Amino acid sequence: MKRINYFLSILLTAGLFMACNQKKVNFIFETAGEATETVVTTEDSLTYTLVNRPQVSNLDQAPKDKDGFIALFDGETFNGWRGYDKDNVPGKWTIEDGAIKINGSGQGEAHVAEGGDIIFAHKFKNFELTFDWKVDKGSNSGVLYLAREIKGAPIWISSPEYQILDNTTHPDAQLGENGNRQSASLYDMIPAKPQNAKPVGEWNQGAIMVYKGTVVHKQNGKNVLEYHLWTPQWDEMIANSKFKPGGDFPLAYGLLTNLGGDEHEGYIGLQDHGDNVWFKNIKIKILE
């Protein structure tokens, strides 16, 4: 009996050693299709170029966790990601300790050659997105959703923004109205309440749910705002924001009121605002 137990212990030890040293195999997102460009002229005679680059074609084959979420970031590579209006991920984005990091340039929003926003290369319509984020002192960023790719324009011109911010130091926390530029807010439109962000350097849990026009932002386990797309109230919010018609961003009003185009779908993006910000545990559940 002792001899049998001895051999069993050897086999179990060897099995555990092999399991611990087996390299994790991550799912590979594949892209398919060809890039196209469409020139669009708006009702007020403004013109922009809509870009359609290849999208991830095998998302439906990606493994899901027990709650039905797909990992959009594997903790090790930029598999599935690329720059907004780019073919590759800009060099200012790196992977550090299992997190995507934008390395701040100190020069404001995407003002360096290797900077710029990044997107996951698949358009989403109805979904629940979860992610963890943390900021350096004085840092600013955002999570964008339902974005379209407009040539030569920033991502936020066509996308709502879940604000990422150091509420204590960054001046945006004091701008806008009623805190509508603080973390988890719908940027420049709806403040996140309660405002429950954690201090600089600590991880926060964020979530965005989009379902048939209803949008909910969550922060650290709390629902902090709700609104409804493609409604008169949505149009009014845009008209009262920095994206108002005839303002500094003339394309924004038309793109945001027709958010996601006819299909009501778009990309999920992470913003480069020139500051150090980290993201991890980025997961999505498709809601049909």
C-alpha atoms as a PDB file:
ATOM      1  CA  MET A   1       0.000   0.000   0.000  1.00  0.00           C
ATOM      2  CA  LYS A   2       2.827   2.396   0.832  1.00  0.00           C
ATOM      3  CA  ARG A   3       4.470   1.648  -2.516  1.00  0.00           C
ATOM      4  CA  ILE A   4       1.229   2.399  -4.429  1.00  0.00           C
ATOM      5  CA  ASN A   5       0.774   5.666  -2.542  1.00  0.00           C
ATOM      6  CA  TYR A   6       4.375   6.611  -3.322  1.00  0.00           C
ATOM      7  CA  PHE A   7       3.872   6.179  -7.081  1.00  0.00           C
ATOM      8  CA  LEU A   8       0.527   8.013  -6.949  1.00  0.00           C
ATOM      9  CA  SER A   9       2.200  10.973  -5.232  1.00  0.00           C
ATOM     10  CA  ILE A  10       4.879  11.095  -7.948  1.00  0.00           C
ATOM     11  CA  LEU A  11       2.251  11.089 -10.692  1.00  0.00           C
ATOM     12  CA  LEU A  12       0.193  13.822  -9.007  1.00  0.00           C
ATOM     13  CA  THR A  13       3.267  15.988  -8.468  1.00  0.00           C
ATOM     14  CA  ALA A  14       4.305  15.600 -12.114  1.00  0.00           C
ATOM     15  CA  GLY A  15       0.791  16.454 -13.277  1.00  0.00           C
ATOM     16  CA  LEU A  16       0.658  19.600 -11.153  1.00  0.00           C
ATOM     17  CA  PHE A  17       4.098  20.670 -12.406  1.00  0.00           C
ATOM     18  CA  MET A  18       3.014  20.258 -16.040  1.00  0.00           C
ATOM     19  CA  ALA A  19      -0.240  22.129 -15.433  1.00  0.00           C
ATOM     20  CA  CYS A  20       1.544  25.036 -13.763  1.00  0.00           C
ATOM     21  CA  ASN A  21       4.072  25.300 -16.579  1.00  0.00           C
ATOM     22  CA  GLN A  22       1.652  24.891 -19.470  1.00  0.00           C
ATOM     23  CA  LYS A  23       1.526  28.109 -21.501  1.00  0.00           C
ATOM     24  CA  LYS A  24      -1.871  29.781 -21.637  1.00  0.00           C
ATOM     25  CA  VAL A  25      -3.358  29.657 -25.130  1.00  0.00           C
ATOM     26  CA  ASN A  26      -5.280  32.861 -25.895  1.00  0.00           C
ATOM     27  CA  PHE A  27      -8.049  33.100 -28.452  1.00  0.00           C
ATOM     28  CA  ILE A  28      -6.896  34.723 -31.689  1.00  0.00           C
ATOM     29  CA  PHE A  29      -9.259  37.329 -33.115  1.00  0.00           C
ATOM     30  CA  GLU A  30      -9.226  37.246 -36.907  1.00  0.00           C
ATOM     31  CA  THR A  31     -10.142  40.147 -39.179  1.00  0.00           C
ATOM     32  CA  ALA A  32     -11.735  39.836 -42.587  1.00  0.00           C
ATOM     33  CA  GLY A  33     -12.774  42.204 -45.353  1.00  0.00           C
ATOM     34  CA  GLU A  34     -11.283  45.145 -47.199  1.00  0.00           C
ATOM     35  CA  ALA A  35     -11.019  48.781 -46.207  1.00  0.00           C
ATOM     36  CA  THR A  36     -13.408  51.152 -47.946  1.00  0.00           C
ATOM     37  CA  GLU A  37     -14.106  54.882 -47.752  1.00  0.00           C
ATOM     38  CA  THR A  38     -17.383  56.708 -48.281  1.00  0.00           C
ATOM     39  CA  VAL A  39     -17.645  60.472 -48.671  1.00  0.00           C
ATOM     40  CA  VAL A  40     -20.738  61.809 -46.896  1.00  0.00           C
ATOM     41  CA  THR A  41     -22.310  65.255 -47.296  1.00  0.00           C
ATOM     42  CA  THR A  42     -24.599  66.361 -44.480  1.00  0.00           C
ATOM     43  CA  GLU A  43     -27.821  68.359 -44.753  1.00  0.00           C
ATOM     44  CA  ASP A  44     -25.912  71.521 -43.844  1.00  0.00           C
ATOM     45  CA  SER A  45     -23.343  70.880 -46.612  1.00  0.00           C
ATOM     46  CA  LEU A  46     -20.549  69.599 -44.356  1.00  0.00           C
ATOM     47  CA  THR A  47     -18.456  66.772 -45.754  1.00  0.00           C
ATOM     48  CA  TYR A  48     -16.617  63.903 -44.055  1.00  0.00           C
ATOM     49  CA  THR A  49     -15.124  60.569 -45.062  1.00  0.00           C
ATOM     50  CA  LEU A  50     -16.459  57.444 -43.357  1.00  0.00           C
ATOM     51  CA  VAL A  51     -13.832  54.693 -43.153  1.00  0.00           C
ATOM     52  CA  ASN A  52     -14.677  50.985 -42.963  1.00  0.00           C
ATOM     53  CA  ARG A  53     -11.671  48.825 -42.114  1.00  0.00           C
ATOM     54  CA  PRO A  54     -11.683  45.023 -41.696  1.00  0.00           C
ATOM     55  CA  GLN A  55     -13.484  43.820 -38.576  1.00  0.00           C
ATOM     56  CA  VAL A  56     -12.994  40.839 -36.294  1.00  0.00           C
ATOM     57  CA  SER A  57     -14.847  38.084 -38.128  1.00  0.00           C
ATOM     58  CA  ASN A  58     -14.844  35.259 -35.555  1.00  0.00           C
ATOM     59  CA  LEU A  59     -16.166  36.957 -32.420  1.00  0.00           C
ATOM     60  CA  ASP A  60     -18.980  34.409 -32.199  1.00  0.00           C
ATOM     61  CA  GLN A  61     -16.356  31.683 -31.737  1.00  0.00           C
ATOM     62  CA  ALA A  62     -14.585  33.402 -28.817  1.00  0.00           C
ATOM     63  CA  PRO A  63     -14.820  31.603 -25.461  1.00  0.00           C
ATOM     64  CA  LYS A  64     -17.277  32.987 -22.888  1.00  0.00           C
ATOM     65  CA  ASP A  65     -17.047  32.920 -19.119  1.00  0.00           C
ATOM     66  CA  LYS A  66     -19.818  31.526 -16.913  1.00  0.00           C
ATOM     67  CA  ASP A  67     -21.729  34.818 -17.184  1.00  0.00           C
ATOM     68  CA  GLY A  68     -21.517  34.951 -20.980  1.00  0.00           C
ATOM     69  CA  PHE A  69     -18.746  37.576 -21.256  1.00  0.00           C
ATOM     70  CA  ILE A  70     -16.007  37.549 -23.911  1.00  0.00           C
ATOM     71  CA  ALA A  71     -12.561  38.897 -22.997  1.00  0.00           C
ATOM     72  CA  LEU A  72     -11.649  41.681 -25.437  1.00  0.00           C
ATOM     73  CA  PHE A  73      -8.162  41.933 -23.903  1.00  0.00           C
ATOM     74  CA  ASP A  74      -6.120  38.832 -23.078  1.00  0.00           C
ATOM     75  CA  GLY A  75      -3.774  40.605 -20.673  1.00  0.00           C
ATOM     76  CA  GLU A  76      -0.745  39.965 -22.861  1.00  0.00           C
ATOM     77  CA  THR A  77      -1.257  41.236 -26.424  1.00  0.00           C
ATOM     78  CA  PHE A  78      -3.204  43.760 -28.508  1.00  0.00           C
ATOM     79  CA  ASN A  79      -4.982  40.896 -30.263  1.00  0.00           C
ATOM     80  CA  GLY A  80      -8.117  42.397 -31.858  1.00  0.00           C
ATOM     81  CA  TRP A  81      -7.129  46.038 -31.239  1.00  0.00           C
ATOM     82  CA  ARG A  82      -5.811  48.783 -33.527  1.00  0.00           C
ATOM     83  CA  GLY A  83      -5.542  52.530 -33.665  1.00  0.00           C
ATOM     84  CA  TYR A  84      -8.601  54.607 -34.537  1.00  0.00           C
ATOM     85  CA  ASP A  85      -8.286  55.424 -38.249  1.00  0.00           C
ATOM     86  CA  LYS A  86      -5.075  53.379 -38.250  1.00  0.00           C
ATOM     87  CA  ASP A  87      -4.029  49.848 -39.202  1.00  0.00           C
ATOM     88  CA  ASN A  88      -1.854  49.277 -36.121  1.00  0.00           C
ATOM     89  CA  VAL A  89      -1.751  50.158 -32.419  1.00  0.00           C
ATOM     90  CA  PRO A  90       0.202  53.435 -31.880  1.00  0.00           C
ATOM     91  CA  GLY A  91       3.473  53.060 -29.980  1.00  0.00           C
ATOM     92  CA  LYS A  92       2.365  55.122 -26.973  1.00  0.00           C
ATOM     93  CA  TRP A  93       0.081  52.231 -26.038  1.00  0.00           C
ATOM     94  CA  THR A  94       1.831  49.399 -24.186  1.00  0.00           C
ATOM     95  CA  ILE A  95       0.956  46.422 -21.995  1.00  0.00           C
ATOM     96  CA  GLU A  96       2.124  46.651 -18.383  1.00  0.00           C
ATOM     97  CA  ASP A  97       1.433  44.095 -15.645  1.00  0.00           C
ATOM     98  CA  GLY A  98      -1.568  42.654 -17.463  1.00  0.00           C
ATOM     99  CA  ALA A  99      -3.079  46.050 -18.306  1.00  0.00           C
ATOM    100  CA  ILE A 100      -3.297  48.235 -21.406  1.00  0.00           C
ATOM    101  CA  LYS A 101      -1.500  51.506 -20.675  1.00  0.00           C
ATOM    102  CA  ILE A 102      -1.491  54.776 -22.551  1.00  0.00           C
ATOM    103  CA  ASN A 103       1.847  56.386 -21.769  1.00  0.00           C
ATOM    104  CA  GLY A 104       1.209  60.076 -21.356  1.00  0.00           C
ATOM    105  CA  SER A 105       2.983  62.506 -23.611  1.00  0.00           C
ATOM    106  CA  GLY A 106       2.268  65.473 -21.366  1.00  0.00           C
ATOM    107  CA  GLN A 107       1.142  67.346 -24.471  1.00  0.00           C
ATOM    108  CA  GLY A 108      -2.614  66.916 -24.298  1.00  0.00           C
ATOM    109  CA  GLU A 109      -4.893  64.853 -26.472  1.00  0.00           C
ATOM    110  CA  ALA A 110      -3.086  62.697 -29.076  1.00  0.00           C
ATOM    111  CA  HIS A 111      -0.517  65.372 -29.902  1.00  0.00           C
ATOM    112  CA  VAL A 112       2.405  63.027 -30.577  1.00  0.00           C
ATOM    113  CA  ALA A 113       3.172  60.925 -33.632  1.00  0.00           C
ATOM    114  CA  GLU A 114       2.907  57.588 -31.848  1.00  0.00           C
ATOM    115  CA  GLY A 115      -0.230  58.533 -29.925  1.00  0.00           C
ATOM    116  CA  GLY A 116      -3.942  58.425 -30.683  1.00  0.00           C
ATOM    117  CA  ASP A 117      -7.041  56.553 -29.607  1.00  0.00           C
ATOM    118  CA  ILE A 118      -7.434  52.779 -30.021  1.00  0.00           C
ATOM    119  CA  ILE A 119     -10.478  50.633 -30.783  1.00  0.00           C
ATOM    120  CA  PHE A 120     -11.447  46.986 -30.678  1.00  0.00           C
ATOM    121  CA  ALA A 121     -11.961  46.062 -34.334  1.00  0.00           C
ATOM    122  CA  HIS A 122     -15.601  44.996 -34.209  1.00  0.00           C
ATOM    123  CA  LYS A 123     -18.833  46.985 -34.242  1.00  0.00           C
ATOM    124  CA  PHE A 124     -21.223  46.361 -31.354  1.00  0.00           C
ATOM    125  CA  LYS A 125     -24.905  47.201 -31.028  1.00  0.00           C
ATOM    126  CA  ASN A 126     -26.534  45.869 -27.838  1.00  0.00           C
ATOM    127  CA  PHE A 127     -24.013  44.924 -25.167  1.00  0.00           C
ATOM    128  CA  GLU A 128     -22.748  45.114 -21.615  1.00  0.00           C
ATOM    129  CA  LEU A 129     -19.114  46.198 -21.386  1.00  0.00           C
ATOM    130  CA  THR A 130     -17.105  45.869 -18.164  1.00  0.00           C
ATOM    131  CA  PHE A 131     -13.585  47.105 -17.499  1.00  0.00           C
ATOM    132  CA  ASP A 132     -11.206  48.172 -14.733  1.00  0.00           C
ATOM    133  CA  TRP A 133      -9.353  51.494 -14.906  1.00  0.00           C
ATOM    134  CA  LYS A 134      -6.952  53.612 -12.914  1.00  0.00           C
ATOM    135  CA  VAL A 135      -5.308  56.981 -13.489  1.00  0.00           C
ATOM    136  CA  ASP A 136      -2.108  58.778 -12.618  1.00  0.00           C
ATOM    137  CA  LYS A 137      -2.293  62.144 -10.854  1.00  0.00           C
ATOM    138  CA  GLY A 138      -3.994  64.729 -13.063  1.00  0.00           C
ATOM    139  CA  SER A 139      -4.899  62.194 -15.773  1.00  0.00           C
ATOM    140  CA  ASN A 140      -7.795  62.208 -18.225  1.00  0.00           C
ATOM    141  CA  SER A 141      -9.104  59.586 -20.658  1.00  0.00           C
ATOM    142  CA  GLY A 142     -12.369  57.994 -21.692  1.00  0.00           C
ATOM    143  CA  VAL A 143     -14.109  54.865 -22.921  1.00  0.00           C
ATOM    144  CA  LEU A 144     -15.976  55.540 -26.169  1.00  0.00           C
ATOM    145  CA  TYR A 145     -18.776  53.431 -27.640  1.00  0.00           C
ATOM    146  CA  LEU A 146     -20.939  53.201 -30.771  1.00  0.00           C
ATOM    147  CA  ALA A 147     -18.192  55.129 -32.563  1.00  0.00           C
ATOM    148  CA  ARG A 148     -17.855  55.451 -36.315  1.00  0.00           C
ATOM    149  CA  GLU A 149     -14.473  55.892 -37.965  1.00  0.00           C
ATOM    150  CA  ILE A 150     -14.205  59.364 -39.474  1.00  0.00           C
ATOM    151  CA  LYS A 151     -11.037  60.028 -41.458  1.00  0.00           C
ATOM    152  CA  GLY A 152      -8.842  62.705 -39.920  1.00  0.00           C
ATOM    153  CA  ALA A 153     -11.186  63.299 -36.956  1.00  0.00           C
ATOM    154  CA  PRO A 154     -10.973  62.288 -33.263  1.00  0.00           C
ATOM    155  CA  ILE A 155     -13.104  59.379 -32.081  1.00  0.00           C
ATOM    156  CA  TRP A 156     -15.234  61.504 -29.737  1.00  0.00           C
ATOM    157  CA  ILE A 157     -16.730  63.468 -32.619  1.00  0.00           C
ATOM    158  CA  SER A 158     -19.017  60.481 -33.321  1.00  0.00           C
ATOM    159  CA  SER A 159     -19.235  58.752 -29.958  1.00  0.00           C
ATOM    160  CA  PRO A 160     -20.570  59.145 -26.401  1.00  0.00           C
ATOM    161  CA  GLU A 161     -17.815  59.102 -23.791  1.00  0.00           C
ATOM    162  CA  TYR A 162     -17.669  57.413 -20.402  1.00  0.00           C
ATOM    163  CA  GLN A 163     -15.308  59.872 -18.727  1.00  0.00           C
ATOM    164  CA  ILE A 164     -12.118  58.597 -17.054  1.00  0.00           C
ATOM    165  CA  LEU A 165     -10.587  61.241 -14.781  1.00  0.00           C
ATOM    166  CA  ASP A 166      -8.614  62.154 -11.699  1.00  0.00           C
ATOM    167  CA  ASN A 167     -11.468  64.102 -10.108  1.00  0.00           C
ATOM    168  CA  THR A 168      -9.180  65.677  -7.518  1.00  0.00           C
ATOM    169  CA  THR A 169      -6.537  67.304  -9.711  1.00  0.00           C
ATOM    170  CA  HIS A 170      -7.632  67.496 -13.344  1.00  0.00           C
ATOM    171  CA  PRO A 171      -9.417  70.805 -14.164  1.00  0.00           C
ATOM    172  CA  ASP A 172     -12.155  69.034 -16.140  1.00  0.00           C
ATOM    173  CA  ALA A 173     -13.635  67.980 -12.793  1.00  0.00           C
ATOM    174  CA  GLN A 174     -14.536  71.629 -12.171  1.00  0.00           C
ATOM    175  CA  LEU A 175     -15.681  72.419 -15.714  1.00  0.00           C
ATOM    176  CA  GLY A 176     -18.944  71.607 -17.471  1.00  0.00           C
ATOM    177  CA  GLU A 177     -22.077  71.679 -15.314  1.00  0.00           C
ATOM    178  CA  ASN A 178     -22.906  69.890 -12.065  1.00  0.00           C
ATOM    179  CA  GLY A 179     -19.908  67.566 -12.354  1.00  0.00           C
ATOM    180  CA  ASN A 180     -20.782  66.255 -15.821  1.00  0.00           C
ATOM    181  CA  ARG A 181     -17.087  65.932 -16.700  1.00  0.00           C
ATOM    182  CA  GLN A 182     -16.141  63.838 -13.690  1.00  0.00           C
ATOM    183  CA  SER A 183     -15.396  60.128 -13.880  1.00  0.00           C
ATOM    184  CA  ALA A 184     -18.127  57.799 -15.233  1.00  0.00           C
ATOM    185  CA  SER A 185     -20.159  60.791 -16.443  1.00  0.00           C
ATOM    186  CA  LEU A 186     -21.562  60.971 -19.944  1.00  0.00           C
ATOM    187  CA  TYR A 187     -18.975  63.551 -20.870  1.00  0.00           C
ATOM    188  CA  ASP A 188     -20.314  67.121 -20.859  1.00  0.00           C
ATOM    189  CA  MET A 189     -23.917  65.940 -20.695  1.00  0.00           C
ATOM    190  CA  ILE A 190     -24.904  63.894 -17.608  1.00  0.00           C
ATOM    191  CA  PRO A 191     -23.020  63.760 -14.270  1.00  0.00           C
ATOM    192  CA  ALA A 192     -22.352  60.410 -12.603  1.00  0.00           C
ATOM    193  CA  LYS A 193     -24.213  60.242  -9.293  1.00  0.00           C
ATOM    194  CA  PRO A 194     -23.236  59.094  -6.774  1.00  0.00           C
ATOM    195  CA  GLN A 195     -19.682  60.078  -7.603  1.00  0.00           C
ATOM    196  CA  ASN A 196     -17.848  57.138  -6.078  1.00  0.00           C
ATOM    197  CA  ALA A 197     -14.487  57.061  -7.893  1.00  0.00           C
ATOM    198  CA  LYS A 198     -11.491  55.748  -5.959  1.00  0.00           C
ATOM    199  CA  PRO A 199      -8.331  57.819  -5.418  1.00  0.00           C
ATOM    200  CA  VAL A 200      -5.484  58.103  -7.924  1.00  0.00           C
ATOM    201  CA  GLY A 201      -3.541  54.859  -8.327  1.00  0.00           C
ATOM    202  CA  GLU A 202      -6.422  52.599  -7.232  1.00  0.00           C
ATOM    203  CA  TRP A 203      -8.392  50.396  -9.596  1.00  0.00           C
ATOM    204  CA  ASN A 204     -12.004  51.319 -10.370  1.00  0.00           C
ATOM    205  CA  GLN A 205     -14.639  49.071 -11.914  1.00  0.00           C
ATOM    206  CA  GLY A 206     -16.505  50.567 -14.864  1.00  0.00           C
ATOM    207  CA  ALA A 207     -19.414  49.268 -16.909  1.00  0.00           C
ATOM    208  CA  ILE A 208     -21.533  50.458 -19.839  1.00  0.00           C
ATOM    209  CA  MET A 209     -24.777  48.810 -20.884  1.00  0.00           C
ATOM    210  CA  VAL A 210     -26.402  49.661 -24.230  1.00  0.00           C
ATOM    211  CA  TYR A 211     -29.701  47.969 -25.067  1.00  0.00           C
ATOM    212  CA  LYS A 212     -32.160  49.184 -27.697  1.00  0.00           C
ATOM    213  CA  GLY A 213     -31.276  52.804 -27.011  1.00  0.00           C
ATOM    214  CA  THR A 214     -31.170  52.632 -23.225  1.00  0.00           C
ATOM    215  CA  VAL A 215     -27.699  53.341 -21.834  1.00  0.00           C
ATOM    216  CA  VAL A 216     -26.508  52.835 -18.247  1.00  0.00           C
ATOM    217  CA  HIS A 217     -23.103  53.779 -16.815  1.00  0.00           C
ATOM    218  CA  LYS A 218     -21.863  51.982 -13.708  1.00  0.00           C
ATOM    219  CA  GLN A 219     -18.945  52.812 -11.423  1.00  0.00           C
ATOM    220  CA  ASN A 220     -17.666  50.585  -8.640  1.00  0.00           C
ATOM    221  CA  GLY A 221     -20.835  48.515  -8.550  1.00  0.00           C
ATOM    222  CA  LYS A 222     -23.309  51.419  -8.607  1.00  0.00           C
ATOM    223  CA  ASN A 223     -25.584  52.605 -11.420  1.00  0.00           C
ATOM    224  CA  VAL A 224     -24.536  56.246 -11.761  1.00  0.00           C
ATOM    225  CA  LEU A 225     -26.569  57.414 -14.782  1.00  0.00           C
ATOM    226  CA  GLU A 226     -29.120  56.360 -17.385  1.00  0.00           C
ATOM    227  CA  TYR A 227     -30.217  57.958 -20.651  1.00  0.00           C
ATOM    228  CA  HIS A 228     -31.955  57.086 -23.922  1.00  0.00           C
ATOM    229  CA  LEU A 229     -30.485  57.409 -27.391  1.00  0.00           C
ATOM    230  CA  TRP A 230     -32.244  58.514 -30.582  1.00  0.00           C
ATOM    231  CA  THR A 231     -34.896  60.480 -28.708  1.00  0.00           C
ATOM    232  CA  PRO A 232     -35.772  64.212 -28.620  1.00  0.00           C
ATOM    233  CA  GLN A 233     -34.194  64.317 -25.149  1.00  0.00           C
ATOM    234  CA  TRP A 234     -30.929  62.928 -26.553  1.00  0.00           C
ATOM    235  CA  ASP A 235     -30.885  65.542 -29.317  1.00  0.00           C
ATOM    236  CA  GLU A 236     -31.554  68.274 -26.755  1.00  0.00           C
ATOM    237  CA  MET A 237     -28.657  67.132 -24.565  1.00  0.00           C
ATOM    238  CA  ILE A 238     -26.274  67.321 -27.507  1.00  0.00           C
ATOM    239  CA  ALA A 239     -27.601  70.740 -28.493  1.00  0.00           C
ATOM    240  CA  ASN A 240     -26.838  71.997 -24.964  1.00  0.00           C
ATOM    241  CA  SER A 241     -23.317  70.535 -24.855  1.00  0.00           C
ATOM    242  CA  LYS A 242     -19.988  71.516 -26.428  1.00  0.00           C
ATOM    243  CA  PHE A 243     -21.137  69.502 -29.458  1.00  0.00           C
ATOM    244  CA  LYS A 244     -23.994  71.896 -30.252  1.00  0.00           C
ATOM    245  CA  PRO A 245     -24.785  72.796 -33.873  1.00  0.00           C
ATOM    246  CA  GLY A 246     -22.728  75.704 -35.134  1.00  0.00           C
ATOM    247  CA  GLY A 247     -20.196  75.242 -32.334  1.00  0.00           C
ATOM    248  CA  ASP A 248     -16.488  74.486 -32.357  1.00  0.00           C
ATOM    249  CA  PHE A 249     -17.059  70.930 -33.627  1.00  0.00           C
ATOM    250  CA  PRO A 250     -19.431  71.345 -36.579  1.00  0.00           C
ATOM    251  CA  LEU A 251     -19.582  67.656 -37.536  1.00  0.00           C
ATOM    252  CA  ALA A 252     -20.282  66.404 -34.038  1.00  0.00           C
ATOM    253  CA  TYR A 253     -23.966  67.328 -33.733  1.00  0.00           C
ATOM    254  CA  GLY A 254     -25.053  65.464 -36.862  1.00  0.00           C
ATOM    255  CA  LEU A 255     -22.912  62.422 -36.081  1.00  0.00           C
ATOM    256  CA  LEU A 256     -24.090  62.176 -32.478  1.00  0.00           C
ATOM    257  CA  THR A 257     -27.792  62.676 -33.192  1.00  0.00           C
ATOM    258  CA  ASN A 258     -27.484  59.888 -35.776  1.00  0.00           C
ATOM    259  CA  LEU A 259     -25.308  57.861 -33.435  1.00  0.00           C
ATOM    260  CA  GLY A 260     -24.097  54.572 -34.897  1.00  0.00           C
ATOM    261  CA  GLY A 261     -25.592  55.329 -38.306  1.00  0.00           C
ATOM    262  CA  ASP A 262     -28.549  53.434 -39.704  1.00  0.00           C
ATOM    263  CA  GLU A 263     -27.438  50.196 -38.015  1.00  0.00           C
ATOM    264  CA  HIS A 264     -27.124  51.822 -34.558  1.00  0.00           C
ATOM    265  CA  GLU A 265     -23.775  50.106 -33.999  1.00  0.00           C
ATOM    266  CA  GLY A 266     -20.151  51.131 -33.630  1.00  0.00           C
ATOM    267  CA  TYR A 267     -16.714  50.607 -32.143  1.00  0.00           C
ATOM    268  CA  ILE A 268     -15.557  50.592 -28.525  1.00  0.00           C
ATOM    269  CA  GLY A 269     -12.497  52.768 -27.995  1.00  0.00           C
ATOM    270  CA  LEU A 270      -9.984  53.913 -25.387  1.00  0.00           C
ATOM    271  CA  GLN A 271      -8.895  57.538 -25.462  1.00  0.00           C
ATOM    272  CA  ASP A 272      -5.403  58.987 -25.546  1.00  0.00           C
ATOM    273  CA  HIS A 273      -5.636  62.355 -23.782  1.00  0.00           C
ATOM    274  CA  GLY A 274      -1.887  62.672 -23.241  1.00  0.00           C
ATOM    275  CA  ASP A 275      -1.896  61.184 -19.710  1.00  0.00           C
ATOM    276  CA  ASN A 276      -0.943  57.918 -17.999  1.00  0.00           C
ATOM    277  CA  VAL A 277      -4.024  55.679 -17.730  1.00  0.00           C
ATOM    278  CA  TRP A 278      -4.406  51.898 -17.357  1.00  0.00           C
ATOM    279  CA  PHE A 279      -7.221  49.497 -18.416  1.00  0.00           C
ATOM    280  CA  LYS A 280      -7.655  45.789 -17.717  1.00  0.00           C
ATOM    281  CA  ASN A 281     -10.309  43.054 -17.463  1.00  0.00           C
ATOM    282  CA  ILE A 282     -12.057  44.423 -20.559  1.00  0.00           C
ATOM    283  CA  LYS A 283     -15.003  42.109 -21.262  1.00  0.00           C
ATOM    284  CA  ILE A 284     -18.222  42.260 -23.268  1.00  0.00           C
ATOM    285  CA  LYS A 285     -21.522  40.421 -23.229  1.00  0.00           C
ATOM    286  CA  ILE A 286     -23.590  40.615 -26.405  1.00  0.00           C
ATOM    287  CA  LEU A 287     -27.253  41.381 -25.674  1.00  0.00           C
ATOM    288  CA  GLU A 288     -29.644  40.213 -28.363  1.00  0.00           C
END
